[in-house]
Amino acid sequence: MISEHAALLGAPTAVQAICRTPGIGEHVPHRPDWECAAPGCGEPWPCPVARATIGAAAPDRVNLSITMATILTAAVADLGESVDPGELFYRMLRWTR
Protein backbone atom coordinates (compact mmCIF):
# COMPACT_ATOMS: atom_id res chain seq x y z
CA MET A 1 0.00 0.00 0.00
CA ILE A 2 1.06 3.56 0.60
CA SER A 3 4.35 2.73 2.34
CA GLU A 4 5.39 0.72 -0.72
CA HIS A 5 5.06 3.64 -3.12
CA ALA A 6 7.83 6.19 -2.80
CA ALA A 7 5.99 8.49 -5.23
CA LEU A 8 3.40 9.10 -2.50
CA LEU A 9 5.91 10.27 0.09
CA GLY A 10 5.23 13.91 0.76
CA ALA A 11 1.92 13.67 -1.08
CA PRO A 12 -0.98 15.77 0.16
CA THR A 13 -2.97 14.25 3.01
CA ALA A 14 -5.99 13.61 0.75
CA VAL A 15 -3.84 11.52 -1.61
CA GLN A 16 -2.40 9.52 1.26
CA ALA A 17 -5.87 8.97 2.77
CA ILE A 18 -7.46 7.75 -0.46
CA CYS A 19 -4.52 5.38 -0.96
CA ARG A 20 -5.36 3.75 2.36
CA THR A 21 -8.78 2.70 1.07
CA PRO A 22 -9.30 -0.96 2.00
CA GLY A 23 -8.83 -3.20 -1.02
CA ILE A 24 -7.15 -0.62 -3.25
CA GLY A 25 -3.90 -2.57 -3.18
CA GLU A 26 -1.40 -1.22 -5.68
CA HIS A 27 -3.99 0.78 -7.66
CA VAL A 28 -2.67 4.06 -6.30
CA PRO A 29 -1.35 7.05 -8.26
CA HIS A 30 2.23 7.10 -9.41
CA ARG A 31 3.29 10.72 -9.15
CA PRO A 32 4.12 12.95 -10.90
CA ASP A 33 2.60 11.33 -14.02
CA TRP A 34 -0.63 10.22 -12.30
CA GLU A 35 -0.71 6.78 -13.88
CA CYS A 36 -1.84 3.75 -11.89
CA ALA A 37 1.09 2.22 -10.02
CA ALA A 38 -0.29 -1.35 -10.18
CA PRO A 39 1.90 -3.59 -12.33
CA GLY A 40 0.29 -4.22 -15.69
CA CYS A 41 -2.53 -1.70 -15.21
CA GLY A 42 -1.15 1.18 -17.28
CA GLU A 43 -4.34 3.25 -16.90
CA PRO A 44 -4.49 6.90 -15.92
CA TRP A 45 -5.26 7.17 -12.20
CA PRO A 46 -7.83 6.67 -10.84
CA CYS A 47 -8.07 3.55 -12.95
CA PRO A 48 -11.34 1.59 -13.14
CA VAL A 49 -10.25 -0.65 -10.24
CA ALA A 50 -9.38 2.35 -8.06
CA ARG A 51 -12.68 4.08 -8.92
CA ALA A 52 -14.71 0.99 -8.06
CA THR A 53 -12.81 0.39 -4.82
CA ILE A 54 -12.87 4.00 -3.69
CA GLY A 55 -16.52 4.41 -4.66
CA ALA A 56 -17.58 1.28 -2.78
CA ALA A 57 -15.74 2.40 0.34
CA ALA A 58 -17.21 5.93 0.28
CA PRO A 59 -20.89 6.00 1.19
CA ASP A 60 -20.83 9.81 1.45
CA ARG A 61 -20.52 11.09 -2.13
CA VAL A 62 -20.15 14.72 -1.02
CA ASN A 63 -17.05 13.94 1.05
CA LEU A 64 -15.72 11.73 -1.73
CA SER A 65 -16.15 14.60 -4.20
CA ILE A 66 -14.37 17.03 -1.86
CA THR A 67 -11.51 14.58 -1.36
CA MET A 68 -11.16 13.96 -5.09
CA ALA A 69 -11.28 17.73 -5.79
CA THR A 70 -8.38 18.14 -3.38
CA ILE A 71 -6.55 15.36 -5.21
CA LEU A 72 -7.35 17.09 -8.50
CA THR A 73 -5.45 20.17 -7.30
CA ALA A 74 -2.41 17.98 -6.53
CA ALA A 75 -2.62 16.44 -10.00
CA VAL A 76 -2.84 19.88 -11.62
CA ALA A 77 0.24 20.96 -9.69
CA ASP A 78 2.15 17.88 -10.90
CA LEU A 79 0.88 17.77 -14.49
CA GLY A 80 0.61 21.47 -15.27
CA GLU A 81 -0.36 22.12 -18.86
CA SER A 82 0.59 18.64 -20.07
CA VAL A 83 -3.00 17.39 -19.72
CA ASP A 84 -6.36 18.62 -20.97
CA PRO A 85 -8.26 20.24 -18.03
CA GLY A 86 -11.58 18.70 -19.11
CA GLU A 87 -10.09 15.22 -19.30
CA LEU A 88 -8.46 15.68 -15.91
CA PHE A 89 -11.77 16.85 -14.38
CA TYR A 90 -13.60 13.82 -15.81
CA ARG A 91 -10.85 11.49 -14.69
CA MET A 92 -10.55 12.80 -11.13
CA LEU A 93 -13.96 14.13 -10.20
CA ARG A 94 -16.89 13.55 -12.52
CA TRP A 95 -17.11 9.82 -11.79
CA THR A 96 -17.80 10.52 -8.08
CA ARG A 97 -21.40 11.63 -8.62
PDB file of N, CA and C in Angstrom:
ATOM      1  N   MET A   1       0.825  -1.185   0.000  1.00  0.00           N
ATOM      2  CA  MET A   1       0.000   0.000   0.000  1.00  0.00           C
ATOM      3  C   MET A   1       0.866   1.245   0.000  1.00  0.00           C
ATOM      4  N   ILE A   2       0.423   2.250   0.690  1.00  0.00           N
ATOM      5  CA  ILE A   2       1.064   3.558   0.598  1.00  0.00           C
ATOM      6  C   ILE A   2       2.552   3.522   0.945  1.00  0.00           C
ATOM      7  N   SER A   3       2.948   2.762   1.957  1.00  0.00           N
ATOM      8  CA  SER A   3       4.351   2.732   2.343  1.00  0.00           C
ATOM      9  C   SER A   3       5.226   2.124   1.256  1.00  0.00           C
ATOM     10  N   GLU A   4       4.631   1.367   0.341  1.00  0.00           N
ATOM     11  CA  GLU A   4       5.389   0.722  -0.717  1.00  0.00           C
ATOM     12  C   GLU A   4       5.631   1.633  -1.916  1.00  0.00           C
ATOM     13  N   HIS A   5       4.993   2.782  -1.947  1.00  0.00           N
ATOM     14  CA  HIS A   5       5.065   3.642  -3.117  1.00  0.00           C
ATOM     15  C   HIS A   5       5.764   4.942  -2.786  1.00  0.00           C
ATOM     16  N   ALA A   6       7.037   5.013  -3.116  1.00  0.00           N
ATOM     17  CA  ALA A   6       7.834   6.188  -2.804  1.00  0.00           C
ATOM     18  C   ALA A   6       7.270   7.449  -3.440  1.00  0.00           C
ATOM     19  N   ALA A   7       6.555   7.312  -4.558  1.00  0.00           N
ATOM     20  CA  ALA A   7       5.989   8.486  -5.226  1.00  0.00           C
ATOM     21  C   ALA A   7       4.947   9.180  -4.367  1.00  0.00           C
ATOM     22  N   LEU A   8       4.419   8.500  -3.364  1.00  0.00           N
ATOM     23  CA  LEU A   8       3.404   9.105  -2.500  1.00  0.00           C
ATOM     24  C   LEU A   8       3.998   9.788  -1.283  1.00  0.00           C
ATOM     25  N   LEU A   9       5.281   9.607  -1.041  1.00  0.00           N
ATOM     26  CA  LEU A   9       5.905  10.274   0.094  1.00  0.00           C
ATOM     27  C   LEU A   9       5.842  11.772  -0.122  1.00  0.00           C
ATOM     28  N   GLY A  10       5.386  12.461   0.872  1.00  0.00           N
ATOM     29  CA  GLY A  10       5.230  13.910   0.763  1.00  0.00           C
ATOM     30  C   GLY A  10       3.987  14.331   0.007  1.00  0.00           C
ATOM     31  N   ALA A  11       3.156  13.363  -0.365  1.00  0.00           N
ATOM     32  CA  ALA A  11       1.921  13.673  -1.083  1.00  0.00           C
ATOM     33  C   ALA A  11       0.939  14.351  -0.132  1.00  0.00           C
ATOM     34  N   PRO A  12       0.035  15.147  -0.686  1.00  0.00           N
ATOM     35  CA  PRO A  12      -0.979  15.774   0.163  1.00  0.00           C
ATOM     36  C   PRO A  12      -1.748  14.728   0.971  1.00  0.00           C
ATOM     37  N   THR A  13      -2.252  15.144   2.110  1.00  0.00           N
ATOM     38  CA  THR A  13      -2.971  14.248   3.012  1.00  0.00           C
ATOM     39  C   THR A  13      -4.121  13.535   2.316  1.00  0.00           C
ATOM     40  N   ALA A  14      -4.850  14.236   1.450  1.00  0.00           N
ATOM     41  CA  ALA A  14      -5.985  13.612   0.754  1.00  0.00           C
ATOM     42  C   ALA A  14      -5.526  12.454  -0.118  1.00  0.00           C
ATOM     43  N   VAL A  15      -4.379  12.603  -0.770  1.00  0.00           N
ATOM     44  CA  VAL A  15      -3.844  11.517  -1.612  1.00  0.00           C
ATOM     45  C   VAL A  15      -3.470  10.334  -0.732  1.00  0.00           C
ATOM     46  N   GLN A  16      -2.790  10.600   0.362  1.00  0.00           N
ATOM     47  CA  GLN A  16      -2.404   9.521   1.264  1.00  0.00           C
ATOM     48  C   GLN A  16      -3.626   8.811   1.827  1.00  0.00           C
ATOM     49  N   ALA A  17      -4.656   9.572   2.195  1.00  0.00           N
ATOM     50  CA  ALA A  17      -5.866   8.973   2.772  1.00  0.00           C
ATOM     51  C   ALA A  17      -6.580   8.080   1.767  1.00  0.00           C
ATOM     52  N   ILE A  18      -6.735   8.543   0.545  1.00  0.00           N
ATOM     53  CA  ILE A  18      -7.456   7.752  -0.458  1.00  0.00           C
ATOM     54  C   ILE A  18      -6.674   6.486  -0.795  1.00  0.00           C
ATOM     55  N   CYS A  19      -5.353   6.546  -0.668  1.00  0.00           N
ATOM     56  CA  CYS A  19      -4.524   5.378  -0.959  1.00  0.00           C
ATOM     57  C   CYS A  19      -4.558   4.351   0.163  1.00  0.00           C
ATOM     58  N   ARG A  20      -5.173   4.700   1.260  1.00  0.00           N
ATOM     59  CA  ARG A  20      -5.356   3.753   2.364  1.00  0.00           C
ATOM     60  C   ARG A  20      -6.726   3.074   2.298  1.00  0.00           C
ATOM     61  N   THR A  21      -7.465   3.316   1.238  1.00  0.00           N
ATOM     62  CA  THR A  21      -8.781   2.698   1.069  1.00  0.00           C
ATOM     63  C   THR A  21      -8.629   1.180   1.096  1.00  0.00           C
ATOM     64  N   PRO A  22      -9.394   0.504   1.947  1.00  0.00           N
ATOM     65  CA  PRO A  22      -9.301  -0.960   1.998  1.00  0.00           C
ATOM     66  C   PRO A  22      -9.561  -1.587   0.627  1.00  0.00           C
ATOM     67  N   GLY A  23      -8.676  -2.478   0.227  1.00  0.00           N
ATOM     68  CA  GLY A  23      -8.831  -3.201  -1.023  1.00  0.00           C
ATOM     69  C   GLY A  23      -8.221  -2.531  -2.246  1.00  0.00           C
ATOM     70  N   ILE A  24      -7.692  -1.322  -2.087  1.00  0.00           N
ATOM     71  CA  ILE A  24      -7.145  -0.617  -3.253  1.00  0.00           C
ATOM     72  C   ILE A  24      -5.831  -1.243  -3.723  1.00  0.00           C
ATOM     73  N   GLY A  25      -5.142  -1.895  -2.811  1.00  0.00           N
ATOM     74  CA  GLY A  25      -3.904  -2.570  -3.176  1.00  0.00           C
ATOM     75  C   GLY A  25      -2.905  -1.636  -3.826  1.00  0.00           C
ATOM     76  N   GLU A  26      -2.410  -2.017  -4.993  1.00  0.00           N
ATOM     77  CA  GLU A  26      -1.400  -1.217  -5.682  1.00  0.00           C
ATOM     78  C   GLU A  26      -2.010  -0.244  -6.678  1.00  0.00           C
ATOM     79  N   HIS A  27      -3.318  -0.127  -6.720  1.00  0.00           N
ATOM     80  CA  HIS A  27      -3.990   0.781  -7.658  1.00  0.00           C
ATOM     81  C   HIS A  27      -4.036   2.190  -7.089  1.00  0.00           C
ATOM     82  N   VAL A  28      -2.851   2.721  -6.831  1.00  0.00           N
ATOM     83  CA  VAL A  28      -2.669   4.062  -6.300  1.00  0.00           C
ATOM     84  C   VAL A  28      -1.953   4.904  -7.361  1.00  0.00           C
ATOM     85  N   PRO A  29      -1.992   6.230  -7.227  1.00  0.00           N
ATOM     86  CA  PRO A  29      -1.348   7.048  -8.257  1.00  0.00           C
ATOM     87  C   PRO A  29       0.171   7.015  -8.168  1.00  0.00           C
ATOM     88  N   HIS A  30       0.785   6.929  -9.318  1.00  0.00           N
ATOM     89  CA  HIS A  30       2.233   7.103  -9.410  1.00  0.00           C
ATOM     90  C   HIS A  30       2.438   8.566  -9.777  1.00  0.00           C
ATOM     91  N   ARG A  31       3.061   9.302  -8.894  1.00  0.00           N
ATOM     92  CA  ARG A  31       3.293  10.717  -9.148  1.00  0.00           C
ATOM     93  C   ARG A  31       4.718  10.914  -9.637  1.00  0.00           C
ATOM     94  N   PRO A  32       4.972  11.833 -10.503  1.00  0.00           N
ATOM     95  CA  PRO A  32       4.119  12.955 -10.901  1.00  0.00           C
ATOM     96  C   PRO A  32       3.304  12.718 -12.173  1.00  0.00           C
ATOM     97  N   ASP A  33       3.329  11.514 -12.760  1.00  0.00           N
ATOM     98  CA  ASP A  33       2.605  11.328 -14.024  1.00  0.00           C
ATOM     99  C   ASP A  33       1.143  10.916 -13.835  1.00  0.00           C
ATOM    100  N   TRP A  34       0.748  10.568 -12.624  1.00  0.00           N
ATOM    101  CA  TRP A  34      -0.633  10.224 -12.296  1.00  0.00           C
ATOM    102  C   TRP A  34      -1.161   9.047 -13.116  1.00  0.00           C
ATOM    103  N   GLU A  35      -0.307   8.060 -13.302  1.00  0.00           N
ATOM    104  CA  GLU A  35      -0.708   6.783 -13.881  1.00  0.00           C
ATOM    105  C   GLU A  35      -0.894   5.810 -12.724  1.00  0.00           C
ATOM    106  N   CYS A  36      -1.642   4.748 -12.935  1.00  0.00           N
ATOM    107  CA  CYS A  36      -1.841   3.747 -11.895  1.00  0.00           C
ATOM    108  C   CYS A  36      -0.526   3.016 -11.647  1.00  0.00           C
ATOM    109  N   ALA A  37      -0.183   2.849 -10.380  1.00  0.00           N
ATOM    110  CA  ALA A  37       1.085   2.217 -10.017  1.00  0.00           C
ATOM    111  C   ALA A  37       1.024   0.690 -10.020  1.00  0.00           C
ATOM    112  N   ALA A  38      -0.161   0.114 -10.196  1.00  0.00           N
ATOM    113  CA  ALA A  38      -0.286  -1.348 -10.183  1.00  0.00           C
ATOM    114  C   ALA A  38       0.409  -1.947 -11.404  1.00  0.00           C
ATOM    115  N   PRO A  39       1.232  -2.953 -11.198  1.00  0.00           N
ATOM    116  CA  PRO A  39       1.903  -3.590 -12.327  1.00  0.00           C
ATOM    117  C   PRO A  39       0.895  -4.088 -13.359  1.00  0.00           C
ATOM    118  N   GLY A  40       1.134  -3.752 -14.608  1.00  0.00           N
ATOM    119  CA  GLY A  40       0.290  -4.218 -15.691  1.00  0.00           C
ATOM    120  C   GLY A  40      -0.980  -3.418 -15.911  1.00  0.00           C
ATOM    121  N   CYS A  41      -1.290  -2.465 -15.042  1.00  0.00           N
ATOM    122  CA  CYS A  41      -2.532  -1.701 -15.208  1.00  0.00           C
ATOM    123  C   CYS A  41      -2.371  -0.691 -16.347  1.00  0.00           C
ATOM    124  N   GLY A  42      -1.439   0.227 -16.213  1.00  0.00           N
ATOM    125  CA  GLY A  42      -1.154   1.179 -17.278  1.00  0.00           C
ATOM    126  C   GLY A  42      -2.231   2.212 -17.545  1.00  0.00           C
ATOM    127  N   GLU A  43      -3.263   2.293 -16.708  1.00  0.00           N
ATOM    128  CA  GLU A  43      -4.344   3.250 -16.896  1.00  0.00           C
ATOM    129  C   GLU A  43      -4.018   4.566 -16.197  1.00  0.00           C
ATOM    130  N   PRO A  44      -4.595   5.659 -16.676  1.00  0.00           N
ATOM    131  CA  PRO A  44      -4.493   6.905 -15.916  1.00  0.00           C
ATOM    132  C   PRO A  44      -5.204   6.711 -14.574  1.00  0.00           C
ATOM    133  N   TRP A  45      -4.646   7.307 -13.524  1.00  0.00           N
ATOM    134  CA  TRP A  45      -5.257   7.168 -12.203  1.00  0.00           C
ATOM    135  C   TRP A  45      -6.276   8.269 -11.981  1.00  0.00           C
ATOM    136  N   PRO A  46      -7.430   7.954 -11.378  1.00  0.00           N
ATOM    137  CA  PRO A  46      -7.830   6.667 -10.840  1.00  0.00           C
ATOM    138  C   PRO A  46      -8.307   5.729 -11.937  1.00  0.00           C
ATOM    139  N   CYS A  47      -7.711   4.568 -11.968  1.00  0.00           N
ATOM    140  CA  CYS A  47      -8.067   3.550 -12.953  1.00  0.00           C
ATOM    141  C   CYS A  47      -9.442   2.976 -12.590  1.00  0.00           C
ATOM    142  N   PRO A  48     -10.039   2.173 -13.453  1.00  0.00           N
ATOM    143  CA  PRO A  48     -11.341   1.588 -13.135  1.00  0.00           C
ATOM    144  C   PRO A  48     -11.369   0.809 -11.813  1.00  0.00           C
ATOM    145  N   VAL A  49     -10.302   0.090 -11.504  1.00  0.00           N
ATOM    146  CA  VAL A  49     -10.250  -0.655 -10.240  1.00  0.00           C
ATOM    147  C   VAL A  49     -10.243   0.311  -9.059  1.00  0.00           C
ATOM    148  N   ALA A  50      -9.433   1.366  -9.139  1.00  0.00           N
ATOM    149  CA  ALA A  50      -9.380   2.351  -8.057  1.00  0.00           C
ATOM    150  C   ALA A  50     -10.733   3.041  -7.895  1.00  0.00           C
ATOM    151  N   ARG A  51     -11.364   3.424  -9.001  1.00  0.00           N
ATOM    152  CA  ARG A  51     -12.681   4.079  -8.917  1.00  0.00           C
ATOM    153  C   ARG A  51     -13.700   3.180  -8.232  1.00  0.00           C
ATOM    154  N   ALA A  52     -13.747   1.929  -8.638  1.00  0.00           N
ATOM    155  CA  ALA A  52     -14.714   0.995  -8.055  1.00  0.00           C
ATOM    156  C   ALA A  52     -14.439   0.788  -6.565  1.00  0.00           C
ATOM    157  N   THR A  53     -13.185   0.630  -6.214  1.00  0.00           N
ATOM    158  CA  THR A  53     -12.811   0.387  -4.820  1.00  0.00           C
ATOM    159  C   THR A  53     -13.089   1.609  -3.959  1.00  0.00           C
ATOM    160  N   ILE A  54     -12.659   2.760  -4.436  1.00  0.00           N
ATOM    161  CA  ILE A  54     -12.867   4.003  -3.694  1.00  0.00           C
ATOM    162  C   ILE A  54     -14.361   4.304  -3.579  1.00  0.00           C
ATOM    163  N   GLY A  55     -15.079   4.149  -4.663  1.00  0.00           N
ATOM    164  CA  GLY A  55     -16.515   4.407  -4.658  1.00  0.00           C
ATOM    165  C   GLY A  55     -17.273   3.504  -3.706  1.00  0.00           C
ATOM    166  N   ALA A  56     -16.902   2.225  -3.670  1.00  0.00           N
ATOM    167  CA  ALA A  56     -17.580   1.275  -2.780  1.00  0.00           C
ATOM    168  C   ALA A  56     -17.295   1.563  -1.313  1.00  0.00           C
ATOM    169  N   ALA A  57     -16.128   2.127  -1.034  1.00  0.00           N
ATOM    170  CA  ALA A  57     -15.742   2.404   0.344  1.00  0.00           C
ATOM    171  C   ALA A  57     -16.219   3.772   0.826  1.00  0.00           C
ATOM    172  N   ALA A  58     -16.828   4.559  -0.059  1.00  0.00           N
ATOM    173  CA  ALA A  58     -17.214   5.933   0.283  1.00  0.00           C
ATOM    174  C   ALA A  58     -18.725   6.109   0.178  1.00  0.00           C
ATOM    175  N   PRO A  59     -19.444   5.839   1.255  1.00  0.00           N
ATOM    176  CA  PRO A  59     -20.892   6.000   1.191  1.00  0.00           C
ATOM    177  C   PRO A  59     -21.331   7.461   1.081  1.00  0.00           C
ATOM    178  N   ASP A  60     -20.501   8.387   1.504  1.00  0.00           N
ATOM    179  CA  ASP A  60     -20.832   9.811   1.451  1.00  0.00           C
ATOM    180  C   ASP A  60     -20.211  10.422   0.195  1.00  0.00           C
ATOM    181  N   ARG A  61     -21.015  10.582  -0.850  1.00  0.00           N
ATOM    182  CA  ARG A  61     -20.522  11.090  -2.131  1.00  0.00           C
ATOM    183  C   ARG A  61     -20.027  12.532  -2.051  1.00  0.00           C
ATOM    184  N   VAL A  62     -20.605  13.329  -1.151  1.00  0.00           N
ATOM    185  CA  VAL A  62     -20.153  14.718  -1.019  1.00  0.00           C
ATOM    186  C   VAL A  62     -18.712  14.742  -0.518  1.00  0.00           C
ATOM    187  N   ASN A  63     -18.423  13.982   0.545  1.00  0.00           N
ATOM    188  CA  ASN A  63     -17.053  13.941   1.054  1.00  0.00           C
ATOM    189  C   ASN A  63     -16.096  13.328   0.041  1.00  0.00           C
ATOM    190  N   LEU A  64     -16.555  12.318  -0.686  1.00  0.00           N
ATOM    191  CA  LEU A  64     -15.723  11.728  -1.732  1.00  0.00           C
ATOM    192  C   LEU A  64     -15.388  12.778  -2.790  1.00  0.00           C
ATOM    193  N   SER A  65     -16.368  13.554  -3.195  1.00  0.00           N
ATOM    194  CA  SER A  65     -16.146  14.598  -4.199  1.00  0.00           C
ATOM    195  C   SER A  65     -15.169  15.655  -3.698  1.00  0.00           C
ATOM    196  N   ILE A  66     -15.296  16.035  -2.440  1.00  0.00           N
ATOM    197  CA  ILE A  66     -14.375  17.027  -1.863  1.00  0.00           C
ATOM    198  C   ILE A  66     -12.957  16.466  -1.824  1.00  0.00           C
ATOM    199  N   THR A  67     -12.836  15.214  -1.403  1.00  0.00           N
ATOM    200  CA  THR A  67     -11.511  14.582  -1.358  1.00  0.00           C
ATOM    201  C   THR A  67     -10.899  14.508  -2.752  1.00  0.00           C
ATOM    202  N   MET A  68     -11.688  14.082  -3.729  1.00  0.00           N
ATOM    203  CA  MET A  68     -11.163  13.964  -5.088  1.00  0.00           C
ATOM    204  C   MET A  68     -10.856  15.334  -5.695  1.00  0.00           C
ATOM    205  N   ALA A  69     -11.597  16.376  -5.323  1.00  0.00           N
ATOM    206  CA  ALA A  69     -11.284  17.729  -5.792  1.00  0.00           C
ATOM    207  C   ALA A  69      -9.946  18.186  -5.224  1.00  0.00           C
ATOM    208  N   THR A  70      -9.679  17.825  -3.988  1.00  0.00           N
ATOM    209  CA  THR A  70      -8.383  18.139  -3.375  1.00  0.00           C
ATOM    210  C   THR A  70      -7.267  17.401  -4.110  1.00  0.00           C
ATOM    211  N   ILE A  71      -7.528  16.146  -4.456  1.00  0.00           N
ATOM    212  CA  ILE A  71      -6.548  15.360  -5.207  1.00  0.00           C
ATOM    213  C   ILE A  71      -6.354  15.947  -6.605  1.00  0.00           C
ATOM    214  N   LEU A  72      -7.440  16.442  -7.195  1.00  0.00           N
ATOM    215  CA  LEU A  72      -7.352  17.094  -8.501  1.00  0.00           C
ATOM    216  C   LEU A  72      -6.369  18.260  -8.458  1.00  0.00           C
ATOM    217  N   THR A  73      -6.378  19.040  -7.393  1.00  0.00           N
ATOM    218  CA  THR A  73      -5.447  20.170  -7.297  1.00  0.00           C
ATOM    219  C   THR A  73      -3.999  19.683  -7.236  1.00  0.00           C
ATOM    220  N   ALA A  74      -3.771  18.551  -6.565  1.00  0.00           N
ATOM    221  CA  ALA A  74      -2.412  17.977  -6.525  1.00  0.00           C
ATOM    222  C   ALA A  74      -1.993  17.510  -7.910  1.00  0.00           C
ATOM    223  N   ALA A  75      -2.933  16.904  -8.645  1.00  0.00           N
ATOM    224  CA  ALA A  75      -2.623  16.440 -10.000  1.00  0.00           C
ATOM    225  C   ALA A  75      -2.323  17.612 -10.927  1.00  0.00           C
ATOM    226  N   VAL A  76      -3.090  18.685 -10.797  1.00  0.00           N
ATOM    227  CA  VAL A  76      -2.845  19.884 -11.619  1.00  0.00           C
ATOM    228  C   VAL A  76      -1.453  20.440 -11.327  1.00  0.00           C
ATOM    229  N   ALA A  77      -1.081  20.463 -10.053  1.00  0.00           N
ATOM    230  CA  ALA A  77       0.244  20.963  -9.685  1.00  0.00           C
ATOM    231  C   ALA A  77       1.347  20.106 -10.303  1.00  0.00           C
ATOM    232  N   ASP A  78       1.141  18.784 -10.336  1.00  0.00           N
ATOM    233  CA  ASP A  78       2.145  17.884 -10.895  1.00  0.00           C
ATOM    234  C   ASP A  78       2.161  17.913 -12.423  1.00  0.00           C
ATOM    235  N   LEU A  79       0.977  17.920 -13.036  1.00  0.00           N
ATOM    236  CA  LEU A  79       0.879  17.768 -14.492  1.00  0.00           C
ATOM    237  C   LEU A  79       0.946  19.083 -15.256  1.00  0.00           C
ATOM    238  N   GLY A  80       0.573  20.171 -14.612  1.00  0.00           N
ATOM    239  CA  GLY A  80       0.605  21.470 -15.274  1.00  0.00           C
ATOM    240  C   GLY A  80      -0.224  21.473 -16.544  1.00  0.00           C
ATOM    241  N   GLU A  81       0.347  21.993 -17.585  1.00  0.00           N
ATOM    242  CA  GLU A  81      -0.357  22.120 -18.863  1.00  0.00           C
ATOM    243  C   GLU A  81      -0.208  20.898 -19.762  1.00  0.00           C
ATOM    244  N   SER A  82       0.367  19.833 -19.235  1.00  0.00           N
ATOM    245  CA  SER A  82       0.593  18.641 -20.066  1.00  0.00           C
ATOM    246  C   SER A  82      -0.662  17.786 -20.245  1.00  0.00           C
ATOM    247  N   VAL A  83      -1.763  18.171 -19.620  1.00  0.00           N
ATOM    248  CA  VAL A  83      -3.000  17.391 -19.719  1.00  0.00           C
ATOM    249  C   VAL A  83      -4.171  18.338 -19.952  1.00  0.00           C
ATOM    250  N   ASP A  84      -5.152  17.853 -20.691  1.00  0.00           N
ATOM    251  CA  ASP A  84      -6.358  18.618 -20.966  1.00  0.00           C
ATOM    252  C   ASP A  84      -7.161  18.783 -19.670  1.00  0.00           C
ATOM    253  N   PRO A  85      -7.521  20.027 -19.279  1.00  0.00           N
ATOM    254  CA  PRO A  85      -8.256  20.238 -18.030  1.00  0.00           C
ATOM    255  C   PRO A  85      -9.593  19.497 -17.978  1.00  0.00           C
ATOM    256  N   GLY A  86     -10.309  19.417 -19.088  1.00  0.00           N
ATOM    257  CA  GLY A  86     -11.580  18.703 -19.115  1.00  0.00           C
ATOM    258  C   GLY A  86     -11.395  17.222 -18.873  1.00  0.00           C
ATOM    259  N   GLU A  87     -10.376  16.649 -19.487  1.00  0.00           N
ATOM    260  CA  GLU A  87     -10.087  15.224 -19.301  1.00  0.00           C
ATOM    261  C   GLU A  87      -9.701  14.965 -17.855  1.00  0.00           C
ATOM    262  N   LEU A  88      -8.901  15.851 -17.288  1.00  0.00           N
ATOM    263  CA  LEU A  88      -8.465  15.675 -15.907  1.00  0.00           C
ATOM    264  C   LEU A  88      -9.653  15.787 -14.949  1.00  0.00           C
ATOM    265  N   PHE A  89     -10.568  16.727 -15.197  1.00  0.00           N
ATOM    266  CA  PHE A  89     -11.772  16.847 -14.378  1.00  0.00           C
ATOM    267  C   PHE A  89     -12.588  15.554 -14.439  1.00  0.00           C
ATOM    268  N   TYR A  90     -12.822  15.055 -15.647  1.00  0.00           N
ATOM    269  CA  TYR A  90     -13.595  13.822 -15.810  1.00  0.00           C
ATOM    270  C   TYR A  90     -12.920  12.667 -15.079  1.00  0.00           C
ATOM    271  N   ARG A  91     -11.632  12.568 -15.263  1.00  0.00           N
ATOM    272  CA  ARG A  91     -10.851  11.488 -14.686  1.00  0.00           C
ATOM    273  C   ARG A  91     -10.855  11.516 -13.153  1.00  0.00           C
ATOM    274  N   MET A  92     -10.717  12.688 -12.579  1.00  0.00           N
ATOM    275  CA  MET A  92     -10.548  12.805 -11.126  1.00  0.00           C
ATOM    276  C   MET A  92     -11.853  13.023 -10.379  1.00  0.00           C
ATOM    277  N   LEU A  93     -12.830  13.673 -10.983  1.00  0.00           N
ATOM    278  CA  LEU A  93     -13.962  14.132 -10.204  1.00  0.00           C
ATOM    279  C   LEU A  93     -15.332  13.723 -10.727  1.00  0.00           C
ATOM    280  N   ARG A  94     -15.548  13.778 -11.992  1.00  0.00           N
ATOM    281  CA  ARG A  94     -16.888  13.552 -12.522  1.00  0.00           C
ATOM    282  C   ARG A  94     -17.460  12.190 -12.135  1.00  0.00           C
ATOM    283  N   TRP A  95     -16.642  11.168 -12.091  1.00  0.00           N
ATOM    284  CA  TRP A  95     -17.113   9.822 -11.790  1.00  0.00           C
ATOM    285  C   TRP A  95     -17.649   9.681 -10.366  1.00  0.00           C
ATOM    286  N   THR A  96     -17.382  10.645  -9.491  1.00  0.00           N
ATOM    287  CA  THR A  96     -17.795  10.521  -8.083  1.00  0.00           C
ATOM    288  C   THR A  96     -19.277  10.752  -7.864  1.00  0.00           C
ATOM    289  N   ARG A  97     -19.980  11.310  -8.854  1.00  0.00           N
ATOM    290  CA  ARG A  97     -21.400  11.626  -8.625  1.00  0.00           C
ATOM    291  C   ARG A  97     -22.313  10.455  -8.790  1.00  0.00           C
TER     292      ARG A  97
END
